[in-house]
Protein backbone atom coordinates (compact mmCIF):
# COMPACT_ATOMS: atom_id res chain seq x y z
CA UNK A 1 27.26 -11.89 -6.08
CA UNK A 2 31.18 -12.54 -4.53
CA UNK A 3 31.10 -14.15 -0.96
CA UNK A 4 31.86 -11.02 0.60
CA UNK A 5 28.73 -9.01 -0.39
CA UNK A 6 27.10 -11.64 0.22
CA UNK A 7 28.15 -11.81 3.56
CA UNK A 8 27.31 -7.97 3.95
CA UNK A 9 23.50 -9.11 2.49
CA UNK A 10 23.08 -11.70 5.14
CA UNK A 11 24.38 -9.32 7.62
CA UNK A 12 22.11 -6.74 6.82
CA UNK A 13 18.85 -9.62 6.62
CA UNK A 14 19.67 -11.16 9.66
CA UNK A 15 16.18 -11.56 12.05
CA UNK A 16 16.33 -11.21 15.83
CA UNK A 17 14.64 -13.71 17.67
CA UNK A 18 11.05 -13.70 18.06
CA UNK A 19 9.09 -11.77 20.05
CA UNK A 20 5.22 -11.58 21.60
CA UNK A 21 4.46 -9.30 19.07
CA UNK A 22 6.09 -11.09 16.56
CA UNK A 23 3.71 -13.91 17.23
CA UNK A 24 0.59 -11.64 16.92
CA UNK A 25 1.69 -10.62 13.73
CA UNK A 26 2.67 -14.30 12.32
CA UNK A 27 -0.78 -15.21 13.91
CA UNK A 28 -3.08 -12.15 12.07
CA UNK A 29 -0.56 -13.47 8.57
CA UNK A 30 -1.77 -16.63 9.11
CA UNK A 31 -5.51 -15.77 9.63
CA UNK A 32 -5.62 -13.34 6.21
CA UNK A 33 -3.65 -16.07 4.56
CA UNK A 34 -6.85 -19.18 5.01
CA UNK A 35 -9.14 -15.77 4.72
CA UNK A 36 -7.36 -15.81 1.10
CA UNK A 37 -7.69 -19.27 0.46
CA UNK A 38 -11.65 -19.81 1.69
CA UNK A 39 -13.74 -16.73 0.63
CA UNK A 40 -13.27 -17.80 -3.50
CA UNK A 41 -15.46 -20.88 -2.25
CA UNK A 42 -18.49 -18.85 -0.21
CA UNK A 43 -18.62 -15.36 -2.40
CA UNK A 44 -20.15 -14.89 -5.87
CA UNK A 45 -18.24 -13.59 -9.01
CA UNK A 46 -19.33 -9.75 -8.16
CA UNK A 47 -18.47 -9.76 -4.24
CA UNK A 48 -14.88 -11.80 -5.34
CA UNK A 49 -14.49 -9.06 -8.63
CA UNK A 50 -15.00 -6.22 -5.69
CA UNK A 51 -12.79 -7.52 -2.74
CA UNK A 52 -10.36 -8.10 -5.61
CA UNK A 53 -9.92 -4.82 -6.78
CA UNK A 54 -9.65 -3.45 -3.06
CA UNK A 55 -7.26 -5.89 -2.57
CA UNK A 56 -5.20 -4.28 -5.32
CA UNK A 57 -5.40 -1.12 -3.47
CA UNK A 58 -4.06 -2.66 -0.54
CA UNK A 59 -0.93 -3.32 -2.21
CA UNK A 60 -0.73 0.38 -3.26
CA UNK A 61 -1.20 1.10 0.48
CA UNK A 62 1.73 -1.19 1.12
CA UNK A 63 4.13 0.29 -0.75
CA UNK A 64 3.36 3.68 0.71
CA UNK A 65 3.61 2.19 4.27
CA UNK A 66 7.16 1.17 3.07
CA UNK A 67 8.14 4.91 2.01
CA UNK A 68 5.89 6.76 4.45
CA UNK A 69 5.49 4.60 7.22
CA UNK A 70 9.38 3.14 7.52
CA UNK A 71 11.64 5.32 5.49
CA UNK A 72 9.71 8.78 6.19
CA UNK A 73 9.37 10.50 2.92
CA UNK A 74 6.19 12.26 2.62
CA UNK A 75 5.01 11.98 -1.49
CA UNK A 76 2.03 13.54 -2.80
CA UNK A 77 1.90 11.65 -5.93
CA UNK A 78 2.69 8.17 -5.23
CA UNK A 79 -0.01 6.80 -7.88
CA UNK A 80 2.69 8.33 -10.73
CA UNK A 81 3.86 5.05 -10.54
CA UNK A 82 0.74 3.14 -9.82
CA UNK A 83 -0.15 4.65 -13.40
CA UNK A 84 2.50 4.08 -15.05
CA UNK A 85 2.67 0.57 -14.11
CA UNK A 86 -0.97 0.20 -15.85
CA UNK A 87 0.20 2.03 -18.63
CA UNK A 88 3.56 0.33 -18.78
CA UNK A 89 1.33 -3.23 -19.16
CA UNK A 90 -1.52 -1.50 -21.38
CA UNK A 91 0.80 0.22 -24.13
CA UNK A 92 2.98 -3.21 -24.09
CA UNK A 93 0.22 -5.65 -24.35
CA UNK A 94 -2.30 -3.38 -26.79
CA UNK A 95 -0.34 -1.47 -28.07
CA UNK A 96 2.57 -3.59 -29.11
CA UNK A 97 0.90 -6.85 -29.28
CA UNK A 98 3.78 -8.28 -26.41
CA UNK A 99 2.94 -11.20 -23.53
CA UNK A 100 1.65 -10.41 -20.51
CA UNK A 101 4.91 -11.21 -18.63
CA UNK A 102 6.60 -9.09 -21.03
CA UNK A 103 4.06 -6.42 -20.02
CA UNK A 104 4.59 -6.87 -16.69
CA UNK A 105 7.94 -6.45 -16.63
CA UNK A 106 7.62 -3.13 -18.88
CA UNK A 107 5.21 -1.58 -16.17
CA UNK A 108 7.48 -2.29 -13.37
CA UNK A 109 10.58 -1.24 -14.80
CA UNK A 110 9.16 2.00 -16.39
CA UNK A 111 7.87 2.88 -12.70
CA UNK A 112 11.37 1.75 -11.48
CA UNK A 113 13.43 4.10 -13.94
CA UNK A 114 11.35 7.26 -13.18
CA UNK A 115 12.00 6.31 -9.27
CA UNK A 116 15.43 6.08 -9.93
CA UNK A 117 15.93 9.26 -11.70
CA UNK A 118 13.79 11.56 -9.87
CA UNK A 119 14.98 9.89 -6.41
CA UNK A 120 18.57 10.44 -7.76
CA UNK A 121 18.50 14.12 -8.77
CA UNK A 122 16.05 15.12 -5.54
CA UNK A 123 17.73 12.48 -2.52
CA UNK A 124 21.16 13.00 -3.36
CA UNK A 125 20.47 17.11 -3.29
CA UNK A 126 19.17 16.69 -0.13
CA UNK A 127 15.58 18.02 -1.19
CA UNK A 128 13.21 16.73 1.46
CA UNK A 129 10.16 16.86 3.52
CA UNK A 130 7.46 19.55 1.52
CA UNK A 131 9.94 20.44 -0.98
CA UNK A 132 9.71 16.71 -1.93
CA UNK A 133 5.98 16.34 -1.69
CA UNK A 134 5.45 19.37 -3.86
CA UNK A 135 7.58 18.00 -6.42
CA UNK A 136 5.77 14.72 -6.57
CA UNK A 137 3.06 16.11 -7.10
CA UNK A 138 3.75 18.07 -9.62
CA UNK A 139 5.32 14.77 -11.32
CA UNK A 140 1.83 13.28 -11.01
CA UNK A 141 0.09 16.32 -12.58
CA UNK A 142 2.78 16.09 -15.38
CA UNK A 143 2.35 12.35 -15.99
CA UNK A 144 -1.93 12.82 -15.92
CA UNK A 145 -1.17 15.65 -18.87
CA UNK A 146 0.78 13.31 -20.85
CA UNK A 147 -1.78 10.76 -20.36
CA UNK A 148 -4.47 12.86 -21.59
CA UNK A 149 -2.12 14.35 -24.47
CA UNK A 150 -0.23 11.40 -26.00
CA UNK A 151 -3.38 9.96 -27.59
CA UNK A 152 -1.32 7.98 -29.73
CA UNK A 153 0.17 5.49 -27.46
CA UNK A 154 -2.16 6.24 -24.09
CA UNK A 155 -5.60 6.72 -25.94
CA UNK A 156 -6.51 10.20 -24.55
CA UNK A 157 -8.88 10.34 -22.19
CA UNK A 158 -10.59 7.29 -23.07
CA UNK A 159 -7.69 5.18 -22.34
CA UNK A 160 -6.43 2.18 -23.25
CA UNK A 161 -9.31 -0.76 -23.51
CA UNK A 162 -9.20 -4.34 -24.08
CA UNK A 163 -6.19 -4.87 -22.11
CA UNK A 164 -5.54 -8.90 -21.36
CA UNK A 165 -5.44 -10.56 -18.61
CA UNK A 166 -2.34 -11.86 -16.71
CA UNK A 167 -1.24 -15.60 -18.57
CA UNK A 168 2.12 -17.38 -18.01
CA UNK A 169 3.49 -19.63 -20.81
CA UNK A 170 5.93 -22.28 -20.14
CA UNK A 171 6.92 -25.62 -21.78
CA UNK A 172 3.55 -25.55 -24.15
CA UNK A 173 1.42 -24.95 -20.96
CA UNK A 174 -0.17 -22.12 -20.39
CA UNK A 175 -1.34 -20.69 -17.02
CA UNK A 176 -4.81 -18.53 -17.38
CA UNK A 177 -5.03 -15.62 -14.45
CA UNK A 178 -7.52 -14.11 -15.56
CA UNK A 179 -10.68 -15.45 -14.05
CA UNK A 180 -12.39 -13.82 -11.34
CA UNK A 181 -11.46 -16.84 -9.29
CA UNK A 182 -7.80 -17.41 -10.48
CA UNK A 183 -7.39 -13.10 -10.19
CA UNK A 184 -8.47 -13.56 -6.89
CA UNK A 185 -5.67 -15.84 -5.61
CA UNK A 186 -2.92 -14.07 -7.76
CA UNK A 187 -4.04 -10.65 -5.88
CA UNK A 188 -4.25 -11.97 -2.84
CA UNK A 189 -0.91 -14.41 -3.20
CA UNK A 190 0.80 -10.85 -4.31
CA UNK A 191 -0.25 -8.95 -1.01
CA UNK A 192 0.59 -12.14 0.90
CA UNK A 193 4.14 -12.09 0.02
CA UNK A 194 4.88 -8.36 -0.17
CA UNK A 195 3.10 -8.20 3.34
CA UNK A 196 5.32 -10.84 4.84
CA UNK A 197 8.57 -9.96 2.74
CA UNK A 198 8.31 -6.33 4.00
CA UNK A 199 7.82 -7.56 7.53
CA UNK A 200 10.72 -8.94 7.33
CA UNK A 201 12.80 -6.19 5.92
CA UNK A 202 11.40 -4.34 8.55
CA UNK A 203 12.13 -6.47 11.43
CA UNK A 204 16.02 -7.17 10.28
CA UNK A 205 18.77 -4.32 11.10
CA UNK A 206 17.93 -2.95 7.81
CA UNK A 207 14.56 -2.16 9.15
CA UNK A 208 16.66 -0.33 12.18
CA UNK A 209 18.75 1.45 10.09
CA UNK A 210 15.15 3.21 8.18
CA UNK A 211 13.79 3.81 11.81
CA UNK A 212 17.09 5.70 12.45
CA UNK A 213 16.77 7.83 9.24
CA UNK A 214 13.39 8.31 9.49
CA UNK A 215 13.67 9.46 13.18
CA UNK A 216 16.63 11.39 12.78
CA UNK A 217 18.43 11.58 9.63
CA UNK A 218 21.34 13.68 10.24
CA UNK A 219 21.96 11.43 13.18
CA UNK A 220 21.88 8.64 11.27
CA UNK A 221 24.32 10.08 8.71
CA UNK A 222 27.04 10.88 11.48
CA UNK A 223 26.92 7.02 12.59
CA UNK A 224 28.14 6.73 9.05
CA UNK A 225 24.68 5.43 7.02
CA UNK A 226 24.65 6.61 3.52
CA UNK A 227 21.10 8.21 4.16
CA UNK A 228 20.14 9.35 0.47
CA UNK A 229 21.00 5.98 -0.95
CA UNK A 230 19.04 4.22 1.34
CA UNK A 231 16.24 6.32 0.87
CA UNK A 232 17.07 5.93 -3.03
CA UNK A 233 16.45 2.10 -2.68
CA UNK A 234 13.25 2.21 -0.49
CA UNK A 235 11.78 4.82 -3.46
CA UNK A 236 12.54 2.60 -5.94
CA UNK A 237 11.09 -0.15 -3.97
CA UNK A 238 8.15 1.00 -2.93
CA UNK A 239 7.94 2.40 -6.80
CA UNK A 240 8.23 -0.80 -8.09
CA UNK A 241 5.61 -2.29 -5.91
CA UNK A 242 3.26 0.08 -6.41
CA UNK A 243 3.97 -0.26 -10.32
CA UNK A 244 3.08 -4.15 -9.50
CA UNK A 245 -0.55 -2.87 -8.08
CA UNK A 246 -1.07 -0.75 -11.36
CA UNK A 247 0.16 -3.98 -13.69
CA UNK A 248 -2.87 -5.85 -11.52
CA UNK A 249 -5.17 -3.24 -11.84
CA UNK A 250 -5.12 -2.88 -15.33
CA UNK A 251 -4.90 -6.78 -16.22
CA UNK A 252 -7.73 -7.39 -13.69
CA UNK A 253 -10.42 -4.72 -14.70
CA UNK A 254 -9.06 -4.45 -18.69
CA UNK A 255 -9.42 -0.74 -19.07
CA UNK A 256 -6.62 1.99 -17.77
CA UNK A 257 -7.71 5.66 -18.04
CA UNK A 258 -5.85 8.84 -17.23
CA UNK A 259 -7.79 8.94 -13.82
CA UNK A 260 -5.35 6.51 -12.32
CA UNK A 261 -3.02 9.59 -11.79
CA UNK A 262 -6.04 11.61 -9.78
CA UNK A 263 -4.75 13.30 -7.29
CA UNK A 264 -7.88 12.08 -5.14
CA UNK A 265 -6.71 8.88 -5.56
CA UNK A 266 -3.10 10.11 -3.85
CA UNK A 267 -4.80 11.93 -1.44
CA UNK A 268 -6.49 8.32 -0.31
CA UNK A 269 -3.61 6.80 -0.22
CA UNK A 270 -2.12 9.32 2.27
CA UNK A 271 -5.25 8.73 4.26
CA UNK A 272 -5.30 4.68 4.09
CA UNK A 273 -2.12 4.88 5.80
CA UNK A 274 -2.52 7.58 8.21
CA UNK A 275 -5.37 5.47 9.33
CA UNK A 276 -4.00 2.45 9.52
CA UNK A 277 -0.87 3.67 11.46
CA UNK A 278 2.50 4.40 9.72
CA UNK A 279 5.03 1.83 9.81
CA UNK A 280 2.13 -1.18 10.87
CA UNK A 281 2.36 -3.02 7.78
CA UNK A 282 -1.08 -4.69 8.22
CA UNK A 283 -3.05 -1.42 9.33
CA UNK A 284 -2.39 0.56 6.28
CA UNK A 285 -3.80 -2.87 3.88
CA UNK A 286 -6.72 -3.53 6.23
CA UNK A 287 -7.50 0.37 5.83
CA UNK A 288 -7.20 0.79 2.24
CA UNK A 289 -9.43 -2.32 1.93
CA UNK A 290 -11.89 -1.11 4.17
CA UNK A 291 -12.06 2.37 2.73
CA UNK A 292 -12.47 1.05 -1.12
CA UNK A 293 -15.01 -0.66 -0.24
CA UNK A 294 -16.64 1.95 1.32
CA UNK A 295 -15.72 4.22 -1.73
CA UNK A 296 -17.55 2.05 -4.04
CA UNK A 297 -20.58 1.36 -1.59
CA UNK A 298 -21.10 5.62 -1.57
CA UNK A 299 -20.43 6.09 -5.18
CA UNK A 300 -23.31 3.65 -5.88
CA UNK A 301 -25.45 6.22 -4.30
CA UNK A 302 -23.49 9.35 -5.28
CA UNK A 303 -20.93 10.02 -7.57
CA UNK A 304 -20.52 13.64 -5.34
CA UNK A 305 -20.37 12.07 -1.73
CA UNK A 306 -17.32 10.62 -1.67
CA UNK A 307 -14.89 13.44 -1.84
CA UNK A 308 -16.58 14.91 0.67
CA UNK A 309 -16.13 11.93 3.19
CA UNK A 310 -12.67 11.79 2.44
CA UNK A 311 -11.97 15.40 3.64
CA UNK A 312 -13.83 15.19 6.88
CA UNK A 313 -12.27 11.58 7.52
CA UNK A 314 -8.81 13.29 6.68
CA UNK A 315 -9.47 16.00 9.53
CA UNK A 316 -11.12 13.86 11.94
CA UNK A 317 -7.75 11.63 11.47
CA UNK A 318 -5.24 14.52 11.73
CA UNK A 319 -7.42 15.89 14.62
CA UNK A 320 -7.94 12.67 16.57
CA UNK A 321 -5.84 10.02 14.87
CA UNK A 322 -2.73 11.36 14.32
CA UNK A 323 -0.99 7.67 15.20
CA UNK A 324 -3.63 6.03 13.51
CA UNK A 325 -5.82 3.32 14.81
CA UNK A 326 -3.86 0.55 16.85
CA UNK A 327 -5.35 -2.34 17.85
CA UNK A 328 -3.55 -2.66 20.71
CA UNK A 329 -4.51 0.88 22.06
CA UNK A 330 -7.86 0.23 21.16
CA UNK A 331 -7.96 -3.07 23.62
CA UNK A 332 -6.34 -1.37 26.53
CA UNK A 333 -8.73 1.41 26.63
CA UNK A 334 -11.76 -0.97 26.29
CA UNK A 335 -10.07 -3.22 29.13
CA UNK A 336 -9.80 0.40 31.06
CA UNK A 337 -13.27 0.80 30.81
CA UNK A 338 -14.34 -2.39 31.64
CA UNK A 339 -12.42 -2.40 34.58
CA UNK A 340 -13.57 1.33 35.93
CA UNK A 341 -17.21 -0.32 35.26
CA UNK A 342 -16.54 -3.40 37.37
CA UNK A 343 -14.58 -1.59 40.02
CA UNK A 344 -17.21 0.59 41.48
CA UNK A 345 -17.58 0.12 45.33
CA UNK A 346 -21.41 -1.86 45.70
CA UNK A 347 -24.00 0.23 47.36
CA UNK A 348 -24.71 0.07 51.18
CA UNK A 349 -27.71 -1.53 52.55
CA UNK A 350 -28.41 1.66 53.87
CA UNK A 351 -28.75 3.12 50.75
CA UNK A 352 -31.13 0.62 49.58
CA UNK A 353 -33.16 0.38 53.07
CA UNK A 354 -33.13 4.30 52.11
CA UNK A 355 -34.35 3.83 48.70
CA UNK A 356 -37.12 1.38 50.03
CA UNK A 357 -38.19 3.70 51.95
């Protein structure tokens, strides 16, 4: 990279001074890091694996929040890239016998390449809003049909079984990250690193550009920004992050099936970001983890109950929480309620006397 390009990159990613909101975000990130380090010492293997799978969904929610929450691009088929990452890793490791590192690269590159092709032809052609969302849903359905029909590669309805866990070999030493505790730390580190990186990018000058494009793309274009290029860049980055979530899901569970392309899961991703708050970074992650654990609990009692609950949550979010659950607004509402209770005028003595009589 030349000095000119390096200077432009530093200018785009330059960070402003820390403010009160930044301190609270750093505090929450530090608490999450401490919790991620301590949880394996208090949780059993089953609980650890359950929460770990929910954290993988948190990475998926983070990738979609980058696309919809920051850039304002709504899609109905974002889980396409989750499935491409999972199947890319599984096919490379199981069908072709490649190392897990090669499978990881294959899964991420597969999703990024598909996102680059789709994004180039749609975003540079001016396809936006519901048109882009509908086409993304069509791509998801096509990917699902390919996963079912291409049995020689994808395993058909059964999927691919016996997927190895993540491991890295260097200098004659092998780092195995397939155990419950090792895979927990792997997923937690990826989630914390991705959250911190996205937070830094979004609070930089480039984040302001994305906010301007999401608010009014025509105005941002009139200011001289190549909006289609920036949207394509964010689209590919979010697809790569979703593919990483897919790789982790396949490596941790050891199996991948066509239901990874399910439209219900794609709807859940939208709900996670909507409830957690678009552009809140940490909010969609928390919502994804909580709702994933809730889905697993409900599914243990009834396999048909979760779609009904999901539909009810979606309607409630649209009607009552258009901006998602925002912690500062909840605290402000609680403070106003407490002030209203304590600011009531005291009962006069005469009223007490009348009550006694």
